[in-house]
Amino acid sequence: METSQAKAVYERRKVIAEPPFGQIENSGFRSFSLRGKEKVEAEFSLVCTVHSFKKIVKKASTGSIRLEDLKKVRKAA
């Protein structure tokens, strides 16, 4: 952590990796309801999917993205 390269990596991590976990926690998710690695992975996948869906709905409702743009992405996939 003392090298300038390590500091740069850590600075970038704060911007990219940390915010979604904080946003998920602030929305009310504090602990897993299930036990076992597979079940926890499934639960966390669901939490992340809901988080992404909420972001899409918010952007669509504010006009940042248009629903027509989402249809184009869906056709391309």
C-alpha atoms as a PDB file:
ATOM      1  CA  MET A   1       0.000   0.000   0.000  1.00  0.00           C
ATOM      2  CA  GLU A   2       3.013   2.281   0.208  1.00  0.00           C
ATOM      3  CA  THR A   3       3.821   2.326  -3.510  1.00  0.00           C
ATOM      4  CA  SER A   4       2.206   4.839  -5.794  1.00  0.00           C
ATOM      5  CA  GLN A   5       0.884   2.028  -7.981  1.00  0.00           C
ATOM      6  CA  ALA A   6      -0.871   0.375  -5.031  1.00  0.00           C
ATOM      7  CA  LYS A   7      -2.370   3.699  -3.979  1.00  0.00           C
ATOM      8  CA  ALA A   8      -3.693   4.242  -7.513  1.00  0.00           C
ATOM      9  CA  VAL A   9      -5.329   0.799  -7.522  1.00  0.00           C
ATOM     10  CA  TYR A  10      -6.950   1.466  -4.148  1.00  0.00           C
ATOM     11  CA  GLU A  11      -8.242   4.882  -5.256  1.00  0.00           C
ATOM     12  CA  ARG A  12      -9.835   3.298  -8.323  1.00  0.00           C
ATOM     13  CA  ARG A  13     -11.371   0.517  -6.206  1.00  0.00           C
ATOM     14  CA  LYS A  14     -13.130   3.059  -3.988  1.00  0.00           C
ATOM     15  CA  VAL A  15     -14.858   4.481  -7.047  1.00  0.00           C
ATOM     16  CA  ILE A  16     -15.718   1.235  -8.833  1.00  0.00           C
ATOM     17  CA  ALA A  17     -16.166  -1.620  -6.358  1.00  0.00           C
ATOM     18  CA  GLU A  18     -17.283  -0.126  -3.072  1.00  0.00           C
ATOM     19  CA  PRO A  19     -20.346   2.049  -3.912  1.00  0.00           C
ATOM     20  CA  PRO A  20     -22.693  -0.769  -5.015  1.00  0.00           C
ATOM     21  CA  PHE A  21     -22.106  -2.672  -1.783  1.00  0.00           C
ATOM     22  CA  GLY A  22     -22.823   0.454   0.255  1.00  0.00           C
ATOM     23  CA  GLN A  23     -25.941   1.201  -1.787  1.00  0.00           C
ATOM     24  CA  ILE A  24     -27.200  -2.370  -1.322  1.00  0.00           C
ATOM     25  CA  GLU A  25     -26.563  -2.177   2.414  1.00  0.00           C
ATOM     26  CA  ASN A  26     -28.296   1.212   2.691  1.00  0.00           C
ATOM     27  CA  SER A  27     -31.347  -0.175   0.918  1.00  0.00           C
ATOM     28  CA  GLY A  28     -31.869  -2.567   3.815  1.00  0.00           C
ATOM     29  CA  PHE A  29     -29.888  -5.699   3.014  1.00  0.00           C
ATOM     30  CA  ARG A  30     -27.751  -6.427   6.070  1.00  0.00           C
ATOM     31  CA  SER A  31     -27.377 -10.197   6.241  1.00  0.00           C
ATOM     32  CA  PHE A  32     -28.193 -13.357   4.367  1.00  0.00           C
ATOM     33  CA  SER A  33     -31.343 -15.273   5.176  1.00  0.00           C
ATOM     34  CA  LEU A  34     -30.050 -18.623   3.939  1.00  0.00           C
ATOM     35  CA  ARG A  35     -27.167 -20.925   4.764  1.00  0.00           C
ATOM     36  CA  GLY A  36     -24.755 -22.685   2.466  1.00  0.00           C
ATOM     37  CA  LYS A  37     -22.552 -21.305  -0.276  1.00  0.00           C
ATOM     38  CA  GLU A  38     -24.903 -22.115  -3.173  1.00  0.00           C
ATOM     39  CA  LYS A  39     -27.927 -20.602  -1.435  1.00  0.00           C
ATOM     40  CA  VAL A  40     -25.994 -17.488  -0.396  1.00  0.00           C
ATOM     41  CA  GLU A  41     -24.704 -17.073  -3.967  1.00  0.00           C
ATOM     42  CA  ALA A  42     -28.270 -17.313  -5.262  1.00  0.00           C
ATOM     43  CA  GLU A  43     -29.554 -14.848  -2.692  1.00  0.00           C
ATOM     44  CA  PHE A  44     -26.782 -12.358  -3.440  1.00  0.00           C
ATOM     45  CA  SER A  45     -27.403 -12.718  -7.193  1.00  0.00           C
ATOM     46  CA  LEU A  46     -31.030 -11.841  -6.575  1.00  0.00           C
ATOM     47  CA  VAL A  47     -30.037  -8.827  -4.432  1.00  0.00           C
ATOM     48  CA  CYS A  48     -27.678  -7.597  -7.167  1.00  0.00           C
ATOM     49  CA  THR A  49     -30.320  -8.108  -9.862  1.00  0.00           C
ATOM     50  CA  VAL A  50     -32.837  -6.069  -7.879  1.00  0.00           C
ATOM     51  CA  HIS A  51     -30.217  -3.356  -7.320  1.00  0.00           C
ATOM     52  CA  SER A  52     -29.525  -3.162 -11.067  1.00  0.00           C
ATOM     53  CA  PHE A  53     -33.231  -3.176 -11.896  1.00  0.00           C
ATOM     54  CA  LYS A  54     -33.842  -0.304  -9.451  1.00  0.00           C
ATOM     55  CA  LYS A  55     -31.086   1.691 -11.170  1.00  0.00           C
ATOM     56  CA  ILE A  56     -32.646   1.071 -14.605  1.00  0.00           C
ATOM     57  CA  VAL A  57     -36.107   2.089 -13.395  1.00  0.00           C
ATOM     58  CA  LYS A  58     -34.725   5.245 -11.795  1.00  0.00           C
ATOM     59  CA  LYS A  59     -32.875   6.236 -14.962  1.00  0.00           C
ATOM     60  CA  ALA A  60     -35.929   5.510 -17.111  1.00  0.00           C
ATOM     61  CA  SER A  61     -38.199   7.547 -14.837  1.00  0.00           C
ATOM     62  CA  THR A  62     -35.852  10.555 -14.851  1.00  0.00           C
ATOM     63  CA  GLY A  63     -35.422  10.399 -18.616  1.00  0.00           C
ATOM     64  CA  SER A  64     -31.713   9.537 -18.494  1.00  0.00           C
ATOM     65  CA  ILE A  65     -32.416   6.510 -20.685  1.00  0.00           C
ATOM     66  CA  ARG A  66     -35.318   5.716 -22.938  1.00  0.00           C
ATOM     67  CA  LEU A  67     -37.124   2.409 -22.931  1.00  0.00           C
ATOM     68  CA  GLU A  68     -36.585   2.232 -26.695  1.00  0.00           C
ATOM     69  CA  ASP A  69     -32.832   2.090 -26.034  1.00  0.00           C
ATOM     70  CA  LEU A  70     -33.331  -0.923 -23.774  1.00  0.00           C
ATOM     71  CA  LYS A  71     -35.310  -2.676 -26.508  1.00  0.00           C
ATOM     72  CA  LYS A  72     -32.417  -2.156 -28.930  1.00  0.00           C
ATOM     73  CA  VAL A  73     -30.008  -3.727 -26.454  1.00  0.00           C
ATOM     74  CA  ARG A  74     -32.343  -6.673 -25.982  1.00  0.00           C
ATOM     75  CA  LYS A  75     -32.592  -7.283 -29.746  1.00  0.00           C
ATOM     76  CA  ALA A  76     -28.804  -7.170 -30.122  1.00  0.00           C
ATOM     77  CA  ALA A  77     -28.304  -9.864 -27.464  1.00  0.00           C
END
